[in-house]
N, C-alpha and C. Protein backbone atom coordinates (compact mmCIF):
# COMPACT_ATOMS: atom_id res chain seq x y z
N MET A 1 131.00 85.71 77.36
CA MET A 1 130.96 85.29 78.75
C MET A 1 129.74 84.41 78.97
N ILE A 2 129.90 83.32 79.70
CA ILE A 2 128.80 82.42 80.01
C ILE A 2 128.48 82.55 81.49
N PHE A 3 127.21 82.88 81.80
CA PHE A 3 126.81 83.06 83.18
C PHE A 3 126.33 81.71 83.71
N THR A 4 127.07 81.13 84.63
CA THR A 4 126.75 79.77 85.05
C THR A 4 126.57 79.63 86.55
N SER A 5 126.96 80.59 87.35
CA SER A 5 126.93 80.45 88.80
C SER A 5 125.78 81.25 89.39
N PRO A 6 124.64 80.63 89.67
CA PRO A 6 123.47 81.37 90.13
C PRO A 6 123.62 81.88 91.56
N LYS A 7 124.02 83.14 91.70
CA LYS A 7 124.09 83.80 93.00
C LYS A 7 123.33 85.10 92.86
N PRO A 8 122.00 85.07 92.98
CA PRO A 8 121.17 86.22 92.64
C PRO A 8 121.56 87.50 93.37
N GLN A 9 121.51 88.58 92.64
CA GLN A 9 121.66 89.92 93.18
C GLN A 9 120.41 90.70 92.83
N PHE A 10 120.30 91.92 93.34
CA PHE A 10 119.19 92.78 92.92
C PHE A 10 119.57 93.36 91.57
N ILE A 11 118.89 92.93 90.52
CA ILE A 11 119.32 93.23 89.15
C ILE A 11 118.86 94.62 88.71
N THR A 12 119.81 95.42 88.26
CA THR A 12 119.50 96.71 87.64
C THR A 12 120.20 96.84 86.28
N ASN A 13 120.91 95.81 85.88
CA ASN A 13 121.69 95.84 84.63
C ASN A 13 120.96 95.07 83.53
N ILE A 14 120.68 95.75 82.42
CA ILE A 14 120.05 95.15 81.24
C ILE A 14 121.09 95.08 80.14
N VAL A 15 121.31 93.88 79.61
CA VAL A 15 122.29 93.69 78.55
C VAL A 15 121.56 93.30 77.27
N VAL A 16 121.84 93.98 76.18
CA VAL A 16 121.31 93.65 74.86
C VAL A 16 122.41 92.94 74.09
N GLN A 17 122.10 91.78 73.52
CA GLN A 17 123.11 91.00 72.82
C GLN A 17 122.67 90.62 71.42
N ALA A 18 123.65 90.45 70.55
CA ALA A 18 123.39 89.87 69.23
C ALA A 18 122.99 88.41 69.43
N PRO A 19 122.18 87.85 68.51
CA PRO A 19 121.68 86.48 68.70
C PRO A 19 122.76 85.44 68.96
N GLU A 20 123.87 85.49 68.25
CA GLU A 20 124.91 84.49 68.45
C GLU A 20 125.58 84.63 69.81
N LYS A 21 125.76 85.85 70.25
CA LYS A 21 126.32 86.08 71.58
C LYS A 21 125.36 85.59 72.66
N PHE A 22 124.08 85.85 72.46
CA PHE A 22 123.05 85.41 73.40
C PHE A 22 123.05 83.89 73.52
N LYS A 23 123.16 83.22 72.39
CA LYS A 23 123.16 81.76 72.38
C LYS A 23 124.27 81.20 73.26
N LYS A 24 125.44 81.83 73.22
CA LYS A 24 126.55 81.38 74.04
C LYS A 24 126.33 81.75 75.51
N SER A 25 125.78 82.93 75.74
CA SER A 25 125.59 83.40 77.11
C SER A 25 124.62 82.54 77.90
N VAL A 26 123.58 82.02 77.23
CA VAL A 26 122.52 81.29 77.94
C VAL A 26 122.74 79.78 77.92
N LYS A 27 123.91 79.34 77.47
CA LYS A 27 124.19 77.92 77.48
C LYS A 27 124.09 77.38 78.90
N GLY A 28 123.29 76.36 79.09
CA GLY A 28 123.11 75.77 80.40
C GLY A 28 121.99 76.39 81.22
N PHE A 29 121.36 77.45 80.72
CA PHE A 29 120.24 78.07 81.43
C PHE A 29 119.00 77.18 81.35
N LYS A 30 118.16 77.21 82.34
CA LYS A 30 116.88 76.48 82.33
C LYS A 30 115.91 77.20 81.39
N GLU A 31 115.31 76.47 80.46
CA GLU A 31 114.33 77.09 79.58
C GLU A 31 112.97 77.13 80.27
N VAL A 32 112.37 78.30 80.27
CA VAL A 32 111.05 78.52 80.85
C VAL A 32 110.03 78.69 79.74
N SER A 33 108.89 78.07 79.89
CA SER A 33 107.77 78.22 78.94
C SER A 33 108.14 77.88 77.51
N PRO A 34 108.68 76.70 77.26
CA PRO A 34 108.82 76.29 75.86
C PRO A 34 107.44 76.11 75.24
N PHE A 35 107.33 76.23 73.95
CA PHE A 35 106.04 76.06 73.27
C PHE A 35 105.43 74.71 73.67
N PRO A 36 104.15 74.64 74.00
CA PRO A 36 103.14 75.70 74.02
C PRO A 36 102.78 76.15 75.44
N TYR A 37 103.72 76.13 76.36
CA TYR A 37 103.42 76.40 77.77
C TYR A 37 103.55 77.89 78.10
N TYR A 38 102.55 78.64 77.63
CA TYR A 38 102.60 80.09 77.70
C TYR A 38 101.56 80.66 78.66
N ARG A 39 101.22 79.93 79.71
CA ARG A 39 100.25 80.42 80.69
C ARG A 39 100.98 81.08 81.86
N VAL A 40 100.26 81.90 82.60
CA VAL A 40 100.87 82.57 83.74
C VAL A 40 101.37 81.55 84.76
N THR A 41 100.72 80.41 84.86
CA THR A 41 101.12 79.38 85.82
C THR A 41 102.38 78.62 85.39
N ASP A 42 102.86 78.86 84.18
CA ASP A 42 104.09 78.20 83.71
C ASP A 42 105.34 78.99 84.04
N GLY A 43 105.19 80.16 84.66
CA GLY A 43 106.34 80.94 85.08
C GLY A 43 107.14 80.23 86.16
N VAL A 44 108.40 80.61 86.32
CA VAL A 44 109.30 79.92 87.26
C VAL A 44 109.98 80.93 88.18
N THR A 45 109.89 80.68 89.48
CA THR A 45 110.64 81.42 90.49
C THR A 45 111.73 80.51 91.05
N SER A 46 112.98 80.96 91.01
CA SER A 46 114.09 80.14 91.50
C SER A 46 115.33 81.01 91.58
N ALA A 47 116.42 80.41 92.05
CA ALA A 47 117.71 81.10 92.07
C ALA A 47 118.55 80.77 90.84
N GLU A 48 118.03 79.91 89.97
CA GLU A 48 118.83 79.47 88.82
C GLU A 48 118.71 80.43 87.64
N ASN A 49 119.67 80.35 86.74
CA ASN A 49 119.64 81.14 85.52
C ASN A 49 118.55 80.60 84.60
N LYS A 50 117.81 81.50 83.96
CA LYS A 50 116.64 81.10 83.17
C LYS A 50 116.58 81.85 81.86
N VAL A 51 115.91 81.24 80.86
CA VAL A 51 115.76 81.87 79.56
C VAL A 51 114.43 81.46 78.95
N THR A 52 113.84 82.36 78.17
CA THR A 52 112.65 82.02 77.40
C THR A 52 112.77 82.65 76.02
N TYR A 53 112.18 81.97 75.03
CA TYR A 53 112.40 82.32 73.63
C TYR A 53 111.10 82.65 72.89
N ASN A 54 111.28 83.41 71.81
CA ASN A 54 110.28 83.53 70.74
C ASN A 54 108.97 84.17 71.17
N ALA A 55 109.07 85.31 71.84
CA ALA A 55 107.86 86.06 72.16
C ALA A 55 107.45 86.89 70.95
N ASN A 56 106.34 86.51 70.34
CA ASN A 56 105.80 87.27 69.22
C ASN A 56 104.70 88.18 69.77
N THR A 57 103.47 87.69 69.84
CA THR A 57 102.42 88.45 70.54
C THR A 57 102.57 88.29 72.05
N CYS A 58 103.32 87.29 72.49
CA CYS A 58 103.48 87.02 73.92
C CYS A 58 104.22 88.16 74.63
N ALA A 59 103.93 88.28 75.92
CA ALA A 59 104.67 89.17 76.80
C ALA A 59 105.59 88.34 77.68
N ILE A 60 106.76 88.87 77.97
CA ILE A 60 107.69 88.23 78.90
C ILE A 60 107.91 89.17 80.08
N LEU A 61 107.82 88.61 81.28
CA LEU A 61 108.09 89.36 82.50
C LEU A 61 109.22 88.68 83.27
N ALA A 62 110.24 89.45 83.63
CA ALA A 62 111.30 88.95 84.50
C ALA A 62 111.37 89.86 85.72
N MET A 63 111.61 89.25 86.88
CA MET A 63 111.72 90.02 88.12
C MET A 63 112.90 89.53 88.95
N SER A 64 113.45 90.44 89.72
CA SER A 64 114.54 90.14 90.64
C SER A 64 114.24 90.79 91.98
N ASN A 65 114.52 90.06 93.08
CA ASN A 65 114.35 90.67 94.40
C ASN A 65 115.60 90.56 95.26
N GLY A 66 116.69 90.10 94.66
CA GLY A 66 117.94 89.99 95.39
C GLY A 66 118.19 88.63 95.99
N LYS A 67 117.12 87.84 96.13
CA LYS A 67 117.26 86.48 96.66
C LYS A 67 117.04 85.44 95.58
N GLU A 68 116.12 85.74 94.66
CA GLU A 68 115.77 84.82 93.58
C GLU A 68 115.23 85.64 92.42
N THR A 69 114.98 84.98 91.32
CA THR A 69 114.43 85.66 90.14
C THR A 69 113.20 84.92 89.65
N TYR A 70 112.39 85.63 88.89
CA TYR A 70 111.17 85.06 88.29
C TYR A 70 111.22 85.32 86.80
N LEU A 71 110.71 84.35 86.02
CA LEU A 71 110.59 84.53 84.57
C LEU A 71 109.28 83.91 84.12
N GLY A 72 108.46 84.69 83.42
CA GLY A 72 107.19 84.21 82.90
C GLY A 72 106.99 84.65 81.46
N HIS A 73 106.27 83.84 80.69
CA HIS A 73 106.06 84.06 79.24
C HIS A 73 104.58 83.78 78.98
N TYR A 74 103.84 84.82 78.58
CA TYR A 74 102.38 84.72 78.53
C TYR A 74 101.83 85.01 77.13
N ALA A 75 101.04 84.08 76.62
CA ALA A 75 100.40 84.28 75.31
C ALA A 75 98.98 84.81 75.52
N PRO A 76 98.65 85.93 74.88
CA PRO A 76 97.28 86.44 75.01
C PRO A 76 96.24 85.48 74.46
N GLU A 77 96.66 84.62 73.53
CA GLU A 77 95.72 83.68 72.91
C GLU A 77 95.23 82.61 73.88
N VAL A 78 95.98 82.36 74.96
CA VAL A 78 95.56 81.34 75.93
C VAL A 78 95.24 81.95 77.29
N ARG A 79 95.13 83.27 77.32
CA ARG A 79 94.85 83.97 78.58
C ARG A 79 93.47 83.59 79.09
N LYS A 80 93.41 83.29 80.39
CA LYS A 80 92.14 82.96 81.05
C LYS A 80 91.65 84.15 81.87
N SER A 81 90.41 84.07 82.31
CA SER A 81 89.81 85.18 83.04
C SER A 81 90.50 85.46 84.37
N ASP A 82 91.20 84.46 84.91
CA ASP A 82 91.86 84.65 86.20
C ASP A 82 93.34 85.05 86.05
N PHE A 83 93.75 85.44 84.84
CA PHE A 83 95.15 85.79 84.58
C PHE A 83 95.65 86.85 85.56
N MET A 84 94.90 87.95 85.70
CA MET A 84 95.36 89.06 86.53
C MET A 84 95.44 88.67 88.01
N ASP A 85 94.48 87.90 88.47
CA ASP A 85 94.51 87.47 89.87
C ASP A 85 95.72 86.58 90.15
N LYS A 86 96.01 85.67 89.22
CA LYS A 86 97.15 84.77 89.42
C LYS A 86 98.47 85.53 89.35
N LEU A 87 98.57 86.46 88.40
CA LEU A 87 99.80 87.22 88.29
C LEU A 87 99.97 88.14 89.49
N ASP A 88 98.89 88.72 89.96
CA ASP A 88 98.93 89.57 91.15
C ASP A 88 99.46 88.77 92.35
N PHE A 89 99.00 87.54 92.49
CA PHE A 89 99.45 86.67 93.58
C PHE A 89 100.95 86.41 93.47
N ILE A 90 101.42 86.13 92.24
CA ILE A 90 102.83 85.85 92.02
C ILE A 90 103.69 87.06 92.39
N ILE A 91 103.28 88.25 91.93
CA ILE A 91 104.05 89.46 92.20
C ILE A 91 104.11 89.73 93.69
N LYS A 92 102.96 89.65 94.37
CA LYS A 92 102.92 89.92 95.81
C LYS A 92 103.79 88.93 96.58
N LYS A 93 103.68 87.65 96.25
CA LYS A 93 104.48 86.64 96.94
C LYS A 93 105.96 86.88 96.70
N PHE A 94 106.32 87.19 95.47
CA PHE A 94 107.72 87.45 95.12
C PHE A 94 108.22 88.69 95.85
N GLN A 95 107.40 89.71 95.91
CA GLN A 95 107.76 90.97 96.55
C GLN A 95 107.91 90.80 98.06
N ASP A 96 107.07 89.98 98.65
CA ASP A 96 107.11 89.77 100.10
C ASP A 96 108.42 89.12 100.56
N SER A 97 109.15 88.49 99.64
CA SER A 97 110.41 87.85 100.00
C SER A 97 111.44 88.85 100.50
N THR A 98 111.44 90.05 99.91
CA THR A 98 112.43 91.07 100.30
C THR A 98 111.83 92.47 100.41
N GLY A 99 110.66 92.66 99.83
CA GLY A 99 110.05 93.99 99.83
C GLY A 99 110.50 94.87 98.69
N ARG A 100 111.41 94.37 97.87
CA ARG A 100 111.94 95.18 96.77
C ARG A 100 111.99 94.35 95.50
N VAL A 101 111.55 94.91 94.39
CA VAL A 101 111.50 94.17 93.13
C VAL A 101 111.98 95.06 91.98
N SER A 102 112.83 94.49 91.14
CA SER A 102 113.23 95.09 89.87
C SER A 102 112.65 94.22 88.77
N ALA A 103 112.04 94.85 87.75
CA ALA A 103 111.34 94.06 86.73
C ALA A 103 111.58 94.63 85.34
N ILE A 104 111.44 93.74 84.35
CA ILE A 104 111.48 94.13 82.95
C ILE A 104 110.39 93.38 82.20
N VAL A 105 109.72 94.07 81.29
CA VAL A 105 108.69 93.48 80.43
C VAL A 105 109.10 93.71 78.99
N VAL A 106 109.12 92.64 78.18
CA VAL A 106 109.44 92.74 76.76
C VAL A 106 108.41 91.93 75.97
N GLY A 107 108.46 92.11 74.64
CA GLY A 107 107.60 91.31 73.76
C GLY A 107 106.33 92.02 73.35
N GLY A 108 105.41 91.25 72.78
CA GLY A 108 104.10 91.77 72.42
C GLY A 108 104.08 92.61 71.16
N HIS A 109 102.85 92.96 70.75
CA HIS A 109 102.62 93.78 69.56
C HIS A 109 101.98 95.11 69.93
N ASP A 110 102.25 96.11 69.12
CA ASP A 110 101.50 97.35 69.21
C ASP A 110 100.07 97.11 68.71
N PHE A 111 99.11 97.81 69.29
CA PHE A 111 97.69 97.57 68.95
C PHE A 111 97.35 97.96 67.52
N ARG A 112 98.21 98.75 66.87
CA ARG A 112 97.91 99.20 65.50
C ARG A 112 98.32 98.20 64.43
N ASN A 113 99.02 97.13 64.81
CA ASN A 113 99.38 96.12 63.82
C ASN A 113 98.11 95.44 63.31
N ILE A 114 97.98 95.31 62.00
CA ILE A 114 96.71 94.87 61.43
C ILE A 114 96.79 93.50 60.77
N ASN A 115 97.93 92.82 60.91
CA ASN A 115 98.02 91.47 60.35
C ASN A 115 96.94 90.59 60.98
N PRO A 116 96.02 90.04 60.18
CA PRO A 116 94.91 89.28 60.74
C PRO A 116 95.31 87.99 61.44
N ILE A 117 96.55 87.52 61.21
CA ILE A 117 97.01 86.30 61.86
C ILE A 117 97.13 86.51 63.37
N PHE A 118 97.45 87.75 63.77
CA PHE A 118 97.73 88.02 65.17
C PHE A 118 96.63 88.85 65.81
N LYS A 119 96.42 88.64 67.10
CA LYS A 119 95.47 89.44 67.87
C LYS A 119 96.26 90.55 68.57
N SER A 120 96.67 91.54 67.78
CA SER A 120 97.57 92.55 68.30
C SER A 120 96.92 93.41 69.38
N LYS A 121 95.62 93.67 69.28
CA LYS A 121 94.95 94.45 70.32
C LYS A 121 94.96 93.69 71.64
N ASP A 122 94.74 92.39 71.60
CA ASP A 122 94.81 91.58 72.81
C ASP A 122 96.24 91.56 73.36
N SER A 123 97.21 91.50 72.47
CA SER A 123 98.61 91.49 72.88
C SER A 123 98.97 92.79 73.58
N TYR A 124 98.56 93.91 73.01
CA TYR A 124 98.87 95.22 73.59
C TYR A 124 98.15 95.39 74.93
N LYS A 125 96.90 94.96 74.99
CA LYS A 125 96.15 95.07 76.25
C LYS A 125 96.83 94.27 77.35
N GLN A 126 97.34 93.09 77.00
CA GLN A 126 98.03 92.29 78.00
C GLN A 126 99.27 93.01 78.52
N LEU A 127 100.03 93.64 77.62
CA LEU A 127 101.19 94.42 78.05
C LEU A 127 100.77 95.53 79.01
N ALA A 128 99.71 96.24 78.66
CA ALA A 128 99.23 97.33 79.51
C ALA A 128 98.77 96.81 80.86
N ASP A 129 98.07 95.68 80.85
CA ASP A 129 97.58 95.10 82.10
C ASP A 129 98.74 94.71 83.02
N ILE A 130 99.78 94.11 82.44
CA ILE A 130 100.94 93.71 83.24
C ILE A 130 101.63 94.94 83.82
N GLY A 131 101.85 95.95 82.99
CA GLY A 131 102.48 97.18 83.47
C GLY A 131 101.69 97.84 84.58
N ASN A 132 100.37 97.91 84.40
CA ASN A 132 99.52 98.53 85.42
C ASN A 132 99.54 97.74 86.73
N LEU A 133 99.60 96.41 86.61
CA LEU A 133 99.62 95.58 87.80
C LEU A 133 100.94 95.75 88.57
N LEU A 134 102.03 95.85 87.85
CA LEU A 134 103.32 96.09 88.50
C LEU A 134 103.34 97.46 89.18
N ASP A 135 102.75 98.47 88.51
CA ASP A 135 102.65 99.80 89.13
C ASP A 135 101.77 99.75 90.37
N LYS A 136 100.65 99.05 90.29
CA LYS A 136 99.73 98.94 91.41
C LYS A 136 100.42 98.33 92.63
N ASN A 137 101.33 97.38 92.37
CA ASN A 137 102.06 96.74 93.46
C ASN A 137 103.33 97.49 93.85
N ASN A 138 103.49 98.68 93.32
CA ASN A 138 104.62 99.55 93.68
C ASN A 138 105.98 98.87 93.48
N VAL A 139 106.09 98.17 92.35
CA VAL A 139 107.39 97.58 92.01
C VAL A 139 108.42 98.71 91.89
N ASN A 140 109.53 98.55 92.58
CA ASN A 140 110.48 99.65 92.72
C ASN A 140 111.06 100.13 91.41
N ASN A 141 111.51 99.18 90.59
CA ASN A 141 112.21 99.52 89.35
C ASN A 141 111.60 98.72 88.21
N LEU A 142 111.02 99.42 87.23
CA LEU A 142 110.34 98.75 86.13
C LEU A 142 110.76 99.34 84.80
N THR A 143 111.23 98.48 83.91
CA THR A 143 111.53 98.86 82.52
C THR A 143 110.61 98.07 81.60
N MET A 144 110.05 98.75 80.60
CA MET A 144 109.25 98.09 79.57
C MET A 144 109.81 98.44 78.20
N ILE A 145 110.13 97.41 77.41
CA ILE A 145 110.54 97.57 76.02
C ILE A 145 109.63 96.62 75.25
N ALA A 146 108.48 97.11 74.83
CA ALA A 146 107.41 96.20 74.41
C ALA A 146 106.49 96.85 73.39
N GLY A 147 105.69 96.00 72.73
CA GLY A 147 104.74 96.48 71.73
C GLY A 147 105.42 96.72 70.40
N LYS A 148 105.84 95.65 69.74
CA LYS A 148 106.55 95.80 68.46
C LYS A 148 105.67 96.52 67.43
N VAL A 149 106.25 97.54 66.82
CA VAL A 149 105.53 98.33 65.82
C VAL A 149 105.55 97.64 64.47
N ASN A 150 106.69 97.07 64.13
CA ASN A 150 106.85 96.35 62.87
C ASN A 150 107.33 94.95 63.22
N PRO A 151 106.41 94.04 63.52
CA PRO A 151 106.80 92.77 64.17
C PRO A 151 107.42 91.75 63.23
N VAL A 152 108.64 92.05 62.79
CA VAL A 152 109.35 91.09 61.94
C VAL A 152 110.43 90.36 62.74
N PHE A 153 110.39 90.50 64.06
CA PHE A 153 111.34 89.78 64.91
C PHE A 153 110.65 89.35 66.19
N LYS A 154 111.28 88.40 66.88
CA LYS A 154 110.76 87.91 68.15
C LYS A 154 111.72 88.29 69.27
N ASP A 155 111.16 88.41 70.47
CA ASP A 155 111.95 88.79 71.63
C ASP A 155 112.34 87.55 72.44
N ASN A 156 113.57 87.55 72.94
CA ASN A 156 114.06 86.49 73.81
C ASN A 156 114.65 87.16 75.05
N LEU A 157 114.41 86.57 76.21
CA LEU A 157 114.88 87.19 77.45
C LEU A 157 115.44 86.13 78.38
N ALA A 158 116.58 86.45 78.97
CA ALA A 158 117.20 85.56 79.96
C ALA A 158 117.44 86.35 81.24
N VAL A 159 117.53 85.60 82.35
CA VAL A 159 117.85 86.18 83.64
C VAL A 159 119.04 85.41 84.21
N SER A 160 120.14 86.11 84.41
CA SER A 160 121.27 85.51 85.11
C SER A 160 121.26 86.02 86.54
N GLU A 161 122.29 85.71 87.29
CA GLU A 161 122.31 86.14 88.69
C GLU A 161 122.41 87.65 88.83
N ASP A 162 122.87 88.36 87.79
CA ASP A 162 123.04 89.81 87.94
C ASP A 162 122.62 90.60 86.70
N LYS A 163 121.93 89.96 85.75
CA LYS A 163 121.58 90.65 84.51
C LYS A 163 120.25 90.16 83.95
N PHE A 164 119.52 91.09 83.34
CA PHE A 164 118.47 90.75 82.39
C PHE A 164 119.14 90.83 81.01
N ILE A 165 119.00 89.79 80.19
CA ILE A 165 119.68 89.75 78.89
C ILE A 165 118.65 89.62 77.77
N ILE A 166 118.70 90.53 76.82
CA ILE A 166 117.73 90.58 75.72
C ILE A 166 118.42 90.30 74.39
N THR A 167 117.73 89.58 73.52
CA THR A 167 118.14 89.53 72.12
C THR A 167 116.89 89.43 71.26
N HIS A 168 117.08 89.54 69.95
CA HIS A 168 115.97 89.52 69.00
C HIS A 168 116.32 88.58 67.86
N THR A 169 115.37 87.76 67.46
CA THR A 169 115.59 86.82 66.36
C THR A 169 114.55 87.06 65.27
N PRO A 170 114.90 86.75 64.02
CA PRO A 170 114.02 87.10 62.91
C PRO A 170 112.74 86.28 62.87
N ASP A 171 111.72 86.89 62.29
CA ASP A 171 110.45 86.22 62.06
C ASP A 171 110.11 86.36 60.58
N PHE A 172 109.42 85.38 60.03
CA PHE A 172 109.01 85.42 58.62
C PHE A 172 110.20 85.60 57.69
N SER A 173 111.36 85.02 58.07
CA SER A 173 112.57 85.05 57.24
C SER A 173 113.08 86.46 56.97
N LYS A 174 112.69 87.41 57.81
CA LYS A 174 113.19 88.77 57.67
C LYS A 174 114.23 89.04 58.75
N ASN A 175 114.98 90.13 58.57
CA ASN A 175 116.03 90.44 59.52
C ASN A 175 115.44 90.97 60.83
N PRO A 176 116.08 90.66 61.97
CA PRO A 176 115.64 91.24 63.22
C PRO A 176 116.02 92.71 63.29
N MET A 177 115.65 93.33 64.37
CA MET A 177 116.04 94.71 64.60
C MET A 177 117.57 94.81 64.50
N LYS A 178 118.05 95.65 63.61
CA LYS A 178 119.49 95.71 63.36
C LYS A 178 120.16 96.70 64.30
N ILE A 179 121.23 96.24 64.94
CA ILE A 179 122.01 97.09 65.82
C ILE A 179 123.38 97.26 65.18
N LYS A 180 123.75 98.50 64.94
CA LYS A 180 125.01 98.78 64.26
C LYS A 180 126.04 99.30 65.24
N GLY A 181 127.28 98.84 65.07
CA GLY A 181 128.37 99.33 65.88
C GLY A 181 128.24 98.92 67.34
N ASN A 182 128.61 99.82 68.22
CA ASN A 182 128.56 99.56 69.66
C ASN A 182 127.78 100.68 70.33
N PRO A 183 126.44 100.66 70.22
CA PRO A 183 125.64 101.80 70.69
C PRO A 183 125.67 101.97 72.21
N ASN A 184 125.58 103.22 72.65
CA ASN A 184 125.46 103.50 74.08
C ASN A 184 123.98 103.44 74.48
N GLN A 185 123.69 103.73 75.74
CA GLN A 185 122.31 103.58 76.21
C GLN A 185 121.36 104.51 75.47
N ALA A 186 121.74 105.75 75.26
CA ALA A 186 120.87 106.70 74.56
C ALA A 186 120.57 106.22 73.14
N GLU A 187 121.57 105.68 72.47
CA GLU A 187 121.36 105.17 71.10
C GLU A 187 120.48 103.92 71.10
N LEU A 188 120.64 103.07 72.11
CA LEU A 188 119.76 101.90 72.22
C LEU A 188 118.32 102.32 72.47
N GLU A 189 118.12 103.30 73.34
CA GLU A 189 116.77 103.77 73.62
C GLU A 189 116.12 104.34 72.37
N LYS A 190 116.90 105.04 71.54
CA LYS A 190 116.37 105.57 70.28
C LYS A 190 115.99 104.42 69.35
N LEU A 191 116.83 103.39 69.28
CA LEU A 191 116.53 102.23 68.43
C LEU A 191 115.27 101.53 68.92
N PHE A 192 115.15 101.36 70.23
CA PHE A 192 113.94 100.75 70.78
C PHE A 192 112.70 101.57 70.43
N SER A 193 112.81 102.88 70.55
CA SER A 193 111.66 103.74 70.26
C SER A 193 111.22 103.66 68.81
N ASP A 194 112.15 103.33 67.92
CA ASP A 194 111.82 103.17 66.51
C ASP A 194 111.11 101.84 66.23
N ASN A 195 111.22 100.90 67.16
CA ASN A 195 110.70 99.55 66.92
C ASN A 195 109.61 99.10 67.89
N TYR A 196 109.43 99.83 68.99
CA TYR A 196 108.42 99.49 69.99
C TYR A 196 107.60 100.72 70.34
N SER A 197 106.35 100.51 70.71
CA SER A 197 105.50 101.63 71.10
C SER A 197 105.58 101.93 72.59
N ILE A 198 106.09 100.98 73.39
CA ILE A 198 106.26 101.22 74.83
C ILE A 198 107.74 101.10 75.16
N VAL A 199 108.36 102.21 75.44
CA VAL A 199 109.76 102.22 75.83
C VAL A 199 109.88 103.09 77.08
N GLU A 200 109.92 102.45 78.22
CA GLU A 200 110.01 103.14 79.50
C GLU A 200 111.17 102.52 80.28
N ILE A 201 112.27 103.23 80.36
CA ILE A 201 113.48 102.73 81.01
C ILE A 201 113.55 103.31 82.42
N ASP A 202 113.60 102.45 83.41
CA ASP A 202 113.70 102.93 84.78
C ASP A 202 115.02 103.68 84.98
N PRO A 203 114.99 104.80 85.68
CA PRO A 203 116.21 105.58 85.88
C PRO A 203 117.35 104.80 86.56
N GLU A 204 117.00 103.79 87.35
CA GLU A 204 118.03 103.02 88.04
C GLU A 204 118.52 101.82 87.22
N HIS A 205 117.94 101.62 86.06
CA HIS A 205 118.38 100.53 85.19
C HIS A 205 119.40 101.06 84.18
N SER A 206 120.47 100.32 83.99
CA SER A 206 121.45 100.66 82.96
C SER A 206 121.31 99.66 81.82
N ILE A 207 121.52 100.12 80.59
CA ILE A 207 121.42 99.26 79.41
C ILE A 207 122.74 99.31 78.67
N ASN A 208 123.28 98.12 78.38
CA ASN A 208 124.54 98.02 77.66
C ASN A 208 124.39 97.03 76.51
N TYR A 209 125.14 97.28 75.45
CA TYR A 209 125.13 96.36 74.31
C TYR A 209 126.41 95.55 74.30
N ILE A 210 126.28 94.22 74.14
CA ILE A 210 127.42 93.35 73.97
C ILE A 210 127.18 92.53 72.71
N GLY A 211 127.87 92.88 71.63
CA GLY A 211 127.66 92.22 70.35
C GLY A 211 128.24 90.84 70.32
């Protein structure tokens, strides 16, 4: 299915897709934060369908308020001292539109990853800072699937009018997180817990797999 008609709803549905399915689903979506535009100010608020790719140490935040959606992709390597203030402003402004926000955070590394190429502690701290800021602003519904434990894949996230859509693509020529069969939500949560250090699924969010 290709999501092409941007009529935003209050999103509570999270869809996990295989990479090839994701590629078809996001055809025609606006790309947000293509390399190297990974600053908080490069995020986009609009009613259109959006997608961002290849979050390694980066964190991705998507939000829905029923009128429009937001998508941001942030690299800890280019984070400035005013990151939290700017993101706080974005969240508050977005929230003031309706008073209700549903959000998902994906990407990043667990702080225990020791590959010297990556600043995994900075990546994990950024994830924690984003989560704490969303909590501080009393975001109604928040899911986090973040902090890759074995970072051999990258996270990709899209926002359609009624779905947050996740997929994973390989890094370093290795296989991405493998999903077998047609897992239900409990099985997906177990798979996430095996691959991420932060897995917090909001009770009002549903997760489905579409291979």
